[in-house]
Amino acid sequence: MLLPLHSRGRYTLTNGLVVAQNWDELTSGILQNPIAVDESSQTKEDFVWTGSLPDGLPALGSEFCGEWQEDIGFLTFGGEGFSLATDGSWSFFDQGGCDLESSLYCIEQ
């Protein structure tokens, strides 16, 4: 079984703020700064599709909303985090209905 490779470097926002010093810190459940900045460096207070728990494992019951590409209908759910959180709820806050529009985190390694 191949294990995923993770960056040994820091995880930063587009505005330069550090989120975590490394993968272990990113998945520890505590972030240095919330992931609340979009690709244009605009602050967003929003729910964010993740489908994962803070440790990187899939959220139970998450159906990943058609791989986050489409509205797959009522009563289908995907795991959501909250963009202003620095605790574990940055990655998983609740299951959200896939008929709603939310942002996605894009984490480059």
PDB file of N, CA and C in Angstrom:
ATOM      1  N   MET A   1       0.841  -1.179   0.000  1.00  0.00           N
ATOM      2  CA  MET A   1       0.000   0.000   0.000  1.00  0.00           C
ATOM      3  C   MET A   1       0.886   1.243   0.000  1.00  0.00           C
ATOM      4  N   LEU A   2       0.648   2.130  -0.936  1.00  0.00           N
ATOM      5  CA  LEU A   2       1.395   3.383  -0.997  1.00  0.00           C
ATOM      6  C   LEU A   2       0.768   4.410  -0.070  1.00  0.00           C
ATOM      7  N   LEU A   3       1.589   5.038   0.714  1.00  0.00           N
ATOM      8  CA  LEU A   3       1.111   6.106   1.587  1.00  0.00           C
ATOM      9  C   LEU A   3       1.185   7.427   0.829  1.00  0.00           C
ATOM     10  N   PRO A   4       0.214   8.315   1.066  1.00  0.00           N
ATOM     11  CA  PRO A   4       0.265   9.610   0.387  1.00  0.00           C
ATOM     12  C   PRO A   4       1.485  10.414   0.830  1.00  0.00           C
ATOM     13  N   LEU A   5       2.024  11.175  -0.089  1.00  0.00           N
ATOM     14  CA  LEU A   5       3.146  12.050   0.231  1.00  0.00           C
ATOM     15  C   LEU A   5       2.606  13.410   0.658  1.00  0.00           C
ATOM     16  N   HIS A   6       3.204  13.961   1.686  1.00  0.00           N
ATOM     17  CA  HIS A   6       2.774  15.265   2.183  1.00  0.00           C
ATOM     18  C   HIS A   6       3.982  16.188   2.239  1.00  0.00           C
ATOM     19  N   SER A   7       3.718  17.433   1.949  1.00  0.00           N
ATOM     20  CA  SER A   7       4.781  18.437   1.984  1.00  0.00           C
ATOM     21  C   SER A   7       5.387  18.530   3.378  1.00  0.00           C
ATOM     22  N   ARG A   8       6.692  18.683   3.445  1.00  0.00           N
ATOM     23  CA  ARG A   8       7.354  18.934   4.726  1.00  0.00           C
ATOM     24  C   ARG A   8       7.434  20.432   4.996  1.00  0.00           C
ATOM     25  N   GLY A   9       6.956  21.239   4.045  1.00  0.00           N
ATOM     26  CA  GLY A   9       7.008  22.683   4.182  1.00  0.00           C
ATOM     27  C   GLY A   9       5.774  23.252   4.845  1.00  0.00           C
ATOM     28  N   ARG A  10       5.773  24.584   4.936  1.00  0.00           N
ATOM     29  CA  ARG A  10       4.657  25.295   5.557  1.00  0.00           C
ATOM     30  C   ARG A  10       3.461  25.367   4.610  1.00  0.00           C
ATOM     31  N   TYR A  11       2.279  25.464   5.195  1.00  0.00           N
ATOM     32  CA  TYR A  11       1.045  25.707   4.456  1.00  0.00           C
ATOM     33  C   TYR A  11       0.669  27.162   4.718  1.00  0.00           C
ATOM     34  N   THR A  12       0.597  27.944   3.655  1.00  0.00           N
ATOM     35  CA  THR A  12       0.317  29.378   3.796  1.00  0.00           C
ATOM     36  C   THR A  12      -0.885  29.761   2.948  1.00  0.00           C
ATOM     37  N   LEU A  13      -1.491  30.878   3.317  1.00  0.00           N
ATOM     38  CA  LEU A  13      -2.596  31.439   2.548  1.00  0.00           C
ATOM     39  C   LEU A  13      -2.036  32.290   1.410  1.00  0.00           C
ATOM     40  N   THR A  14      -2.882  32.655   0.472  1.00  0.00           N
ATOM     41  CA  THR A  14      -2.437  33.489  -0.647  1.00  0.00           C
ATOM     42  C   THR A  14      -1.946  34.858  -0.188  1.00  0.00           C
ATOM     43  N   ASN A  15      -2.344  35.286   1.021  1.00  0.00           N
ATOM     44  CA  ASN A  15      -1.875  36.572   1.540  1.00  0.00           C
ATOM     45  C   ASN A  15      -0.609  36.425   2.383  1.00  0.00           C
ATOM     46  N   GLY A  16      -0.039  35.209   2.464  1.00  0.00           N
ATOM     47  CA  GLY A  16       1.211  34.974   3.164  1.00  0.00           C
ATOM     48  C   GLY A  16       1.094  34.502   4.604  1.00  0.00           C
ATOM     49  N   LEU A  17      -0.089  34.569   5.213  1.00  0.00           N
ATOM     50  CA  LEU A  17      -0.238  34.097   6.589  1.00  0.00           C
ATOM     51  C   LEU A  17      -0.038  32.583   6.647  1.00  0.00           C
ATOM     52  N   VAL A  18       0.641  32.130   7.685  1.00  0.00           N
ATOM     53  CA  VAL A  18       0.894  30.698   7.862  1.00  0.00           C
ATOM     54  C   VAL A  18      -0.320  30.028   8.499  1.00  0.00           C
ATOM     55  N   VAL A  19      -0.760  28.934   7.888  1.00  0.00           N
ATOM     56  CA  VAL A  19      -1.848  28.120   8.433  1.00  0.00           C
ATOM     57  C   VAL A  19      -1.254  27.041   9.338  1.00  0.00           C
ATOM     58  N   ALA A  20      -0.207  26.373   8.849  1.00  0.00           N
ATOM     59  CA  ALA A  20       0.447  25.304   9.605  1.00  0.00           C
ATOM     60  C   ALA A  20       1.896  25.181   9.138  1.00  0.00           C
ATOM     61  N   GLN A  21       2.775  24.778  10.030  1.00  0.00           N
ATOM     62  CA  GLN A  21       4.188  24.641   9.700  1.00  0.00           C
ATOM     63  C   GLN A  21       4.479  23.401   8.852  1.00  0.00           C
ATOM     64  N   ASN A  22       3.582  22.385   8.940  1.00  0.00           N
ATOM     65  CA  ASN A  22       3.768  21.147   8.185  1.00  0.00           C
ATOM     66  C   ASN A  22       2.463  20.352   8.195  1.00  0.00           C
ATOM     67  N   TRP A  23       2.475  19.199   7.534  1.00  0.00           N
ATOM     68  CA  TRP A  23       1.273  18.363   7.428  1.00  0.00           C
ATOM     69  C   TRP A  23       0.779  17.924   8.805  1.00  0.00           C
ATOM     70  N   ASP A  24       1.686  17.536   9.687  1.00  0.00           N
ATOM     71  CA  ASP A  24       1.272  17.089  11.021  1.00  0.00           C
ATOM     72  C   ASP A  24       0.533  18.186  11.772  1.00  0.00           C
ATOM     73  N   GLU A  25       1.005  19.410  11.656  1.00  0.00           N
ATOM     74  CA  GLU A  25       0.323  20.522  12.320  1.00  0.00           C
ATOM     75  C   GLU A  25      -1.018  20.815  11.637  1.00  0.00           C
ATOM     76  N   LEU A  26      -1.050  20.729  10.309  1.00  0.00           N
ATOM     77  CA  LEU A  26      -2.304  20.962   9.572  1.00  0.00           C
ATOM     78  C   LEU A  26      -3.385  19.986  10.010  1.00  0.00           C
ATOM     79  N   THR A  27      -3.010  18.737  10.248  1.00  0.00           N
ATOM     80  CA  THR A  27      -3.991  17.707  10.604  1.00  0.00           C
ATOM     81  C   THR A  27      -4.111  17.483  12.111  1.00  0.00           C
ATOM     82  N   SER A  28      -3.510  18.366  12.911  1.00  0.00           N
ATOM     83  CA  SER A  28      -3.574  18.220  14.373  1.00  0.00           C
ATOM     84  C   SER A  28      -4.901  18.682  14.957  1.00  0.00           C
ATOM     85  N   GLY A  29      -5.664  19.465  14.189  1.00  0.00           N
ATOM     86  CA  GLY A  29      -6.919  20.007  14.704  1.00  0.00           C
ATOM     87  C   GLY A  29      -6.800  21.445  15.164  1.00  0.00           C
ATOM     88  N   ILE A  30      -5.595  22.014  15.152  1.00  0.00           N
ATOM     89  CA  ILE A  30      -5.389  23.413  15.549  1.00  0.00           C
ATOM     90  C   ILE A  30      -4.563  24.106  14.461  1.00  0.00           C
ATOM     91  N   LEU A  31      -5.118  25.167  13.889  1.00  0.00           N
ATOM     92  CA  LEU A  31      -4.419  25.939  12.863  1.00  0.00           C
ATOM     93  C   LEU A  31      -3.876  27.236  13.451  1.00  0.00           C
ATOM     94  N   GLN A  32      -2.788  27.748  12.878  1.00  0.00           N
ATOM     95  CA  GLN A  32      -2.254  29.032  13.318  1.00  0.00           C
ATOM     96  C   GLN A  32      -3.145  30.185  12.878  1.00  0.00           C
ATOM     97  N   ASN A  33      -3.710  30.096  11.689  1.00  0.00           N
ATOM     98  CA  ASN A  33      -4.636  31.098  11.154  1.00  0.00           C
ATOM     99  C   ASN A  33      -5.746  30.362  10.416  1.00  0.00           C
ATOM    100  N   PRO A  34      -6.957  30.915  10.411  1.00  0.00           N
ATOM    101  CA  PRO A  34      -8.039  30.250   9.685  1.00  0.00           C
ATOM    102  C   PRO A  34      -7.819  30.307   8.173  1.00  0.00           C
ATOM    103  N   ILE A  35      -8.360  29.313   7.488  1.00  0.00           N
ATOM    104  CA  ILE A  35      -8.285  29.284   6.026  1.00  0.00           C
ATOM    105  C   ILE A  35      -9.505  30.050   5.510  1.00  0.00           C
ATOM    106  N   ALA A  36      -9.406  31.366   5.621  1.00  0.00           N
ATOM    107  CA  ALA A  36     -10.539  32.237   5.320  1.00  0.00           C
ATOM    108  C   ALA A  36     -10.220  33.228   4.212  1.00  0.00           C
ATOM    109  N   VAL A  37      -9.224  32.903   3.396  1.00  0.00           N
ATOM    110  CA  VAL A  37      -8.816  33.793   2.315  1.00  0.00           C
ATOM    111  C   VAL A  37      -8.937  33.024   1.003  1.00  0.00           C
ATOM    112  N   ASP A  38      -9.596  33.626   0.013  1.00  0.00           N
ATOM    113  CA  ASP A  38      -9.764  32.935  -1.265  1.00  0.00           C
ATOM    114  C   ASP A  38      -8.568  33.161  -2.192  1.00  0.00           C
ATOM    115  N   GLU A  39      -8.678  32.655  -3.404  1.00  0.00           N
ATOM    116  CA  GLU A  39      -7.572  32.741  -4.366  1.00  0.00           C
ATOM    117  C   GLU A  39      -7.230  34.172  -4.759  1.00  0.00           C
ATOM    118  N   SER A  40      -8.131  35.118  -4.485  1.00  0.00           N
ATOM    119  CA  SER A  40      -7.890  36.534  -4.773  1.00  0.00           C
ATOM    120  C   SER A  40      -7.500  37.312  -3.521  1.00  0.00           C
ATOM    121  N   SER A  41      -7.149  36.602  -2.455  1.00  0.00           N
ATOM    122  CA  SER A  41      -6.770  37.181  -1.155  1.00  0.00           C
ATOM    123  C   SER A  41      -7.907  37.943  -0.488  1.00  0.00           C
ATOM    124  N   GLN A  42      -9.139  37.580  -0.801  1.00  0.00           N
ATOM    125  CA  GLN A  42     -10.310  38.180  -0.170  1.00  0.00           C
ATOM    126  C   GLN A  42     -10.743  37.310   1.006  1.00  0.00           C
ATOM    127  N   THR A  43     -11.024  37.935   2.147  1.00  0.00           N
ATOM    128  CA  THR A  43     -11.474  37.185   3.318  1.00  0.00           C
ATOM    129  C   THR A  43     -12.902  36.706   3.111  1.00  0.00           C
ATOM    130  N   LYS A  44     -13.128  35.427   3.419  1.00  0.00           N
ATOM    131  CA  LYS A  44     -14.445  34.812   3.269  1.00  0.00           C
ATOM    132  C   LYS A  44     -14.867  34.168   4.584  1.00  0.00           C
ATOM    133  N   GLU A  45     -16.075  34.458   5.023  1.00  0.00           N
ATOM    134  CA  GLU A  45     -16.678  33.767   6.162  1.00  0.00           C
ATOM    135  C   GLU A  45     -17.742  32.870   5.569  1.00  0.00           C
ATOM    136  N   ASP A  46     -17.452  31.572   5.499  1.00  0.00           N
ATOM    137  CA  ASP A  46     -18.320  30.693   4.730  1.00  0.00           C
ATOM    138  C   ASP A  46     -18.131  29.253   5.168  1.00  0.00           C
ATOM    139  N   PHE A  47     -19.101  28.411   4.822  1.00  0.00           N
ATOM    140  CA  PHE A  47     -18.916  26.973   4.924  1.00  0.00           C
ATOM    141  C   PHE A  47     -18.144  26.528   3.692  1.00  0.00           C
ATOM    142  N   VAL A  48     -17.330  25.502   3.854  1.00  0.00           N
ATOM    143  CA  VAL A  48     -16.428  25.056   2.795  1.00  0.00           C
ATOM    144  C   VAL A  48     -16.551  23.542   2.664  1.00  0.00           C
ATOM    145  N   TRP A  49     -16.758  23.069   1.428  1.00  0.00           N
ATOM    146  CA  TRP A  49     -16.798  21.624   1.200  1.00  0.00           C
ATOM    147  C   TRP A  49     -15.436  21.024   1.472  1.00  0.00           C
ATOM    148  N   THR A  50     -15.378  19.975   2.289  1.00  0.00           N
ATOM    149  CA  THR A  50     -14.122  19.271   2.530  1.00  0.00           C
ATOM    150  C   THR A  50     -14.287  17.763   2.363  1.00  0.00           C
ATOM    151  N   GLY A  51     -15.324  17.221   2.967  1.00  0.00           N
ATOM    152  CA  GLY A  51     -15.521  15.773   2.953  1.00  0.00           C
ATOM    153  C   GLY A  51     -14.549  15.044   3.860  1.00  0.00           C
ATOM    154  N   SER A  52     -13.764  15.786   4.654  1.00  0.00           N
ATOM    155  CA  SER A  52     -12.760  15.122   5.495  1.00  0.00           C
ATOM    156  C   SER A  52     -12.773  15.640   6.922  1.00  0.00           C
ATOM    157  N   LEU A  53     -12.289  14.807   7.796  1.00  0.00           N
ATOM    158  CA  LEU A  53     -12.096  15.166   9.196  1.00  0.00           C
ATOM    159  C   LEU A  53     -10.777  15.929   9.319  1.00  0.00           C
ATOM    160  N   PRO A  54     -10.517  16.572  10.460  1.00  0.00           N
ATOM    161  CA  PRO A  54      -9.278  17.331  10.609  1.00  0.00           C
ATOM    162  C   PRO A  54      -8.004  16.513  10.388  1.00  0.00           C
ATOM    163  N   ASP A  55      -8.060  15.194  10.644  1.00  0.00           N
ATOM    164  CA  ASP A  55      -6.866  14.357  10.465  1.00  0.00           C
ATOM    165  C   ASP A  55      -6.678  13.895   9.021  1.00  0.00           C
ATOM    166  N   GLY A  56      -7.558  14.345   8.113  1.00  0.00           N
ATOM    167  CA  GLY A  56      -7.429  14.009   6.706  1.00  0.00           C
ATOM    168  C   GLY A  56      -8.218  12.792   6.270  1.00  0.00           C
ATOM    169  N   LEU A  57      -8.814  12.064   7.212  1.00  0.00           N
ATOM    170  CA  LEU A  57      -9.626  10.901   6.858  1.00  0.00           C
ATOM    171  C   LEU A  57     -10.999  11.353   6.366  1.00  0.00           C
ATOM    172  N   PRO A  58     -11.658  10.541   5.529  1.00  0.00           N
ATOM    173  CA  PRO A  58     -12.980  10.917   5.029  1.00  0.00           C
ATOM    174  C   PRO A  58     -13.998  11.051   6.162  1.00  0.00           C
ATOM    175  N   ALA A  59     -14.864  12.038   6.063  1.00  0.00           N
ATOM    176  CA  ALA A  59     -15.948  12.221   7.027  1.00  0.00           C
ATOM    177  C   ALA A  59     -16.994  11.140   6.787  1.00  0.00           C
ATOM    178  N   LEU A  60     -17.391  10.449   7.838  1.00  0.00           N
ATOM    179  CA  LEU A  60     -18.392   9.401   7.709  1.00  0.00           C
ATOM    180  C   LEU A  60     -19.689   9.974   7.169  1.00  0.00           C
ATOM    181  N   GLY A  61     -20.277   9.297   6.221  1.00  0.00           N
ATOM    182  CA  GLY A  61     -21.539   9.737   5.648  1.00  0.00           C
ATOM    183  C   GLY A  61     -21.408  10.764   4.557  1.00  0.00           C
ATOM    184  N   SER A  62     -20.214  11.240   4.301  1.00  0.00           N
ATOM    185  CA  SER A  62     -20.023  12.235   3.252  1.00  0.00           C
ATOM    186  C   SER A  62     -20.083  11.574   1.888  1.00  0.00           C
ATOM    187  N   GLU A  63     -20.915  12.117   1.023  1.00  0.00           N
ATOM    188  CA  GLU A  63     -21.064  11.561  -0.319  1.00  0.00           C
ATOM    189  C   GLU A  63     -20.310  12.387  -1.354  1.00  0.00           C
ATOM    190  N   PHE A  64     -19.562  13.366  -0.912  1.00  0.00           N
ATOM    191  CA  PHE A  64     -18.674  14.184  -1.741  1.00  0.00           C
ATOM    192  C   PHE A  64     -19.376  14.889  -2.902  1.00  0.00           C
ATOM    193  N   CYS A  65     -20.687  14.986  -2.847  1.00  0.00           N
ATOM    194  CA  CYS A  65     -21.474  15.801  -3.791  1.00  0.00           C
ATOM    195  C   CYS A  65     -21.012  15.653  -5.240  1.00  0.00           C
ATOM    196  N   GLY A  66     -20.942  14.438  -5.728  1.00  0.00           N
ATOM    197  CA  GLY A  66     -20.549  14.228  -7.124  1.00  0.00           C
ATOM    198  C   GLY A  66     -19.154  14.733  -7.396  1.00  0.00           C
ATOM    199  N   GLU A  67     -18.233  14.471  -6.429  1.00  0.00           N
ATOM    200  CA  GLU A  67     -16.848  14.947  -6.524  1.00  0.00           C
ATOM    201  C   GLU A  67     -16.789  16.467  -6.584  1.00  0.00           C
ATOM    202  N   TRP A  68     -17.764  17.137  -5.933  1.00  0.00           N
ATOM    203  CA  TRP A  68     -17.825  18.600  -5.811  1.00  0.00           C
ATOM    204  C   TRP A  68     -18.027  19.290  -7.162  1.00  0.00           C
ATOM    205  N   GLN A  69     -18.499  18.572  -8.158  1.00  0.00           N
ATOM    206  CA  GLN A  69     -18.612  19.144  -9.491  1.00  0.00           C
ATOM    207  C   GLN A  69     -20.028  19.504  -9.895  1.00  0.00           C
ATOM    208  N   GLU A  70     -21.014  19.003  -9.182  1.00  0.00           N
ATOM    209  CA  GLU A  70     -22.377  19.230  -9.650  1.00  0.00           C
ATOM    210  C   GLU A  70     -23.368  19.187  -8.502  1.00  0.00           C
ATOM    211  N   ASP A  71     -24.535  19.737  -8.729  1.00  0.00           N
ATOM    212  CA  ASP A  71     -25.644  19.650  -7.792  1.00  0.00           C
ATOM    213  C   ASP A  71     -26.283  18.281  -8.029  1.00  0.00           C
ATOM    214  N   ILE A  72     -26.069  17.359  -7.089  1.00  0.00           N
ATOM    215  CA  ILE A  72     -26.611  16.017  -7.303  1.00  0.00           C
ATOM    216  C   ILE A  72     -27.921  15.796  -6.575  1.00  0.00           C
ATOM    217  N   GLY A  73     -28.482  16.867  -6.026  1.00  0.00           N
ATOM    218  CA  GLY A  73     -29.839  16.771  -5.541  1.00  0.00           C
ATOM    219  C   GLY A  73     -30.039  16.833  -4.047  1.00  0.00           C
ATOM    220  N   PHE A  74     -31.286  16.838  -3.730  1.00  0.00           N
ATOM    221  CA  PHE A  74     -31.798  16.941  -2.378  1.00  0.00           C
ATOM    222  C   PHE A  74     -31.507  15.648  -1.612  1.00  0.00           C
ATOM    223  N   LEU A  75     -31.233  15.752  -0.323  1.00  0.00           N
ATOM    224  CA  LEU A  75     -30.972  14.635   0.578  1.00  0.00           C
ATOM    225  C   LEU A  75     -29.683  13.872   0.274  1.00  0.00           C
ATOM    226  N   THR A  76     -28.738  14.532  -0.356  1.00  0.00           N
ATOM    227  CA  THR A  76     -27.391  14.008  -0.511  1.00  0.00           C
ATOM    228  C   THR A  76     -26.479  14.985   0.218  1.00  0.00           C
ATOM    229  N   PHE A  77     -25.523  14.454   0.977  1.00  0.00           N
ATOM    230  CA  PHE A  77     -24.761  15.308   1.884  1.00  0.00           C
ATOM    231  C   PHE A  77     -23.252  15.193   1.681  1.00  0.00           C
ATOM    232  N   GLY A  78     -22.572  16.296   1.933  1.00  0.00           N
ATOM    233  CA  GLY A  78     -21.119  16.341   1.890  1.00  0.00           C
ATOM    234  C   GLY A  78     -20.597  17.013   3.150  1.00  0.00           C
ATOM    235  N   GLY A  79     -19.425  16.616   3.594  1.00  0.00           N
ATOM    236  CA  GLY A  79     -18.835  17.196   4.796  1.00  0.00           C
ATOM    237  C   GLY A  79     -18.393  18.625   4.562  1.00  0.00           C
ATOM    238  N   GLU A  80     -18.724  19.495   5.519  1.00  0.00           N
ATOM    239  CA  GLU A  80     -18.363  20.910   5.425  1.00  0.00           C
ATOM    240  C   GLU A  80     -17.545  21.344   6.627  1.00  0.00           C
ATOM    241  N   GLY A  81     -16.586  22.219   6.378  1.00  0.00           N
ATOM    242  CA  GLY A  81     -15.855  22.904   7.432  1.00  0.00           C
ATOM    243  C   GLY A  81     -16.288  24.362   7.465  1.00  0.00           C
ATOM    244  N   PHE A  82     -15.747  25.113   8.418  1.00  0.00           N
ATOM    245  CA  PHE A  82     -16.078  26.533   8.542  1.00  0.00           C
ATOM    246  C   PHE A  82     -14.804  27.346   8.373  1.00  0.00           C
ATOM    247  N   SER A  83     -14.811  28.276   7.455  1.00  0.00           N
ATOM    248  CA  SER A  83     -13.594  28.987   7.052  1.00  0.00           C
ATOM    249  C   SER A  83     -12.947  29.820   8.157  1.00  0.00           C
ATOM    250  N   LEU A  84     -13.696  30.300   9.138  1.00  0.00           N
ATOM    251  CA  LEU A  84     -13.106  31.134  10.195  1.00  0.00           C
ATOM    252  C   LEU A  84     -12.591  30.329  11.380  1.00  0.00           C
ATOM    253  N   ALA A  85     -12.742  29.011  11.344  1.00  0.00           N
ATOM    254  CA  ALA A  85     -12.333  28.170  12.468  1.00  0.00           C
ATOM    255  C   ALA A  85     -10.833  27.881  12.443  1.00  0.00           C
ATOM    256  N   THR A  86     -10.253  27.793  13.626  1.00  0.00           N
ATOM    257  CA  THR A  86      -8.864  27.346  13.748  1.00  0.00           C
ATOM    258  C   THR A  86      -8.791  26.031  14.529  1.00  0.00           C
ATOM    259  N   ASP A  87      -9.929  25.553  15.023  1.00  0.00           N
ATOM    260  CA  ASP A  87      -9.974  24.237  15.653  1.00  0.00           C
ATOM    261  C   ASP A  87     -10.388  23.215  14.593  1.00  0.00           C
ATOM    262  N   GLY A  88     -10.712  22.021  14.980  1.00  0.00           N
ATOM    263  CA  GLY A  88     -11.038  20.958  14.038  1.00  0.00           C
ATOM    264  C   GLY A  88     -12.217  21.236  13.124  1.00  0.00           C
ATOM    265  N   SER A  89     -13.048  22.214  13.482  1.00  0.00           N
ATOM    266  CA  SER A  89     -14.205  22.510  12.635  1.00  0.00           C
ATOM    267  C   SER A  89     -13.820  23.254  11.353  1.00  0.00           C
ATOM    268  N   TRP A  90     -12.527  23.587  11.178  1.00  0.00           N
ATOM    269  CA  TRP A  90     -12.081  24.153   9.883  1.00  0.00           C
ATOM    270  C   TRP A  90     -12.294  23.109   8.790  1.00  0.00           C
ATOM    271  N   SER A  91     -12.152  21.834   9.171  1.00  0.00           N
ATOM    272  CA  SER A  91     -12.258  20.750   8.204  1.00  0.00           C
ATOM    273  C   SER A  91     -13.613  20.063   8.247  1.00  0.00           C
ATOM    274  N   PHE A  92     -14.147  19.862   9.447  1.00  0.00           N
ATOM    275  CA  PHE A  92     -15.471  19.235   9.545  1.00  0.00           C
ATOM    276  C   PHE A  92     -16.278  19.895  10.637  1.00  0.00           C
ATOM    277  N   PHE A  93     -17.365  20.536  10.214  1.00  0.00           N
ATOM    278  CA  PHE A  93     -18.304  21.177  11.124  1.00  0.00           C
ATOM    279  C   PHE A  93     -19.599  20.381  11.155  1.00  0.00           C
ATOM    280  N   ASP A  94     -20.056  19.973   9.949  1.00  0.00           N
ATOM    281  CA  ASP A  94     -21.332  19.278   9.819  1.00  0.00           C
ATOM    282  C   ASP A  94     -21.454  18.731   8.400  1.00  0.00           C
ATOM    283  N   GLN A  95     -22.484  17.959   8.176  1.00  0.00           N
ATOM    284  CA  GLN A  95     -22.826  17.531   6.821  1.00  0.00           C
ATOM    285  C   GLN A  95     -23.747  18.596   6.228  1.00  0.00           C
ATOM    286  N   GLY A  96     -23.444  19.046   5.022  1.00  0.00           N
ATOM    287  CA  GLY A  96     -24.280  20.037   4.345  1.00  0.00           C
ATOM    288  C   GLY A  96     -24.951  19.427   3.138  1.00  0.00           C
ATOM    289  N   GLY A  97     -26.127  19.915   2.827  1.00  0.00           N
ATOM    290  CA  GLY A  97     -26.858  19.423   1.673  1.00  0.00           C
ATOM    291  C   GLY A  97     -26.150  19.766   0.372  1.00  0.00           C
ATOM    292  N   CYS A  98     -26.005  18.793  -0.510  1.00  0.00           N
ATOM    293  CA  CYS A  98     -25.300  19.001  -1.776  1.00  0.00           C
ATOM    294  C   CYS A  98     -26.062  19.919  -2.727  1.00  0.00           C
ATOM    295  N   ASP A  99     -27.296  20.274  -2.376  1.00  0.00           N
ATOM    296  CA  ASP A  99     -28.049  21.203  -3.206  1.00  0.00           C
ATOM    297  C   ASP A  99     -27.682  22.653  -2.895  1.00  0.00           C
ATOM    298  N   LEU A 100     -26.760  22.864  -1.941  1.00  0.00           N
ATOM    299  CA  LEU A 100     -26.308  24.201  -1.578  1.00  0.00           C
ATOM    300  C   LEU A 100     -24.959  24.493  -2.225  1.00  0.00           C
ATOM    301  N   GLU A 101     -24.665  25.762  -2.410  1.00  0.00           N
ATOM    302  CA  GLU A 101     -23.393  26.169  -3.001  1.00  0.00           C
ATOM    303  C   GLU A 101     -22.419  26.552  -1.897  1.00  0.00           C
ATOM    304  N   SER A 102     -21.214  26.012  -1.944  1.00  0.00           N
ATOM    305  CA  SER A 102     -20.171  26.342  -0.972  1.00  0.00           C
ATOM    306  C   SER A 102     -18.829  26.419  -1.678  1.00  0.00           C
ATOM    307  N   SER A 103     -17.861  26.961  -0.994  1.00  0.00           N
ATOM    308  CA  SER A 103     -16.493  27.027  -1.524  1.00  0.00           C
ATOM    309  C   SER A 103     -15.796  25.694  -1.302  1.00  0.00           C
ATOM    310  N   LEU A 104     -14.624  25.551  -1.918  1.00  0.00           N
ATOM    311  CA  LEU A 104     -13.745  24.389  -1.720  1.00  0.00           C
ATOM    312  C   LEU A 104     -12.391  24.887  -1.231  1.00  0.00           C
ATOM    313  N   TYR A 105     -11.756  24.117  -0.368  1.00  0.00           N
ATOM    314  CA  TYR A 105     -10.368  24.384  -0.018  1.00  0.00           C
ATOM    315  C   TYR A 105      -9.505  23.790  -1.127  1.00  0.00           C
ATOM    316  N   CYS A 106      -8.476  24.474  -1.510  1.00  0.00           N
ATOM    317  CA  CYS A 106      -7.489  23.948  -2.449  1.00  0.00           C
ATOM    318  C   CYS A 106      -6.145  23.984  -1.728  1.00  0.00           C
ATOM    319  N   ILE A 107      -5.634  22.805  -1.355  1.00  0.00           N
ATOM    320  CA  ILE A 107      -4.390  22.721  -0.598  1.00  0.00           C
ATOM    321  C   ILE A 107      -3.330  22.099  -1.485  1.00  0.00           C
ATOM    322  N   GLU A 108      -2.338  22.892  -1.822  1.00  0.00           N
ATOM    323  CA  GLU A 108      -1.263  22.415  -2.679  1.00  0.00           C
ATOM    324  C   GLU A 108      -0.137  21.861  -1.829  1.00  0.00           C
ATOM    325  N   GLN A 109       0.418  20.740  -2.273  1.00  0.00           N
ATOM    326  CA  GLN A 109       1.517  20.122  -1.525  1.00  0.00           C
ATOM    327  C   GLN A 109       2.800  20.213  -2.308  1.00  0.00           C
TER     328      GLN A 109
END
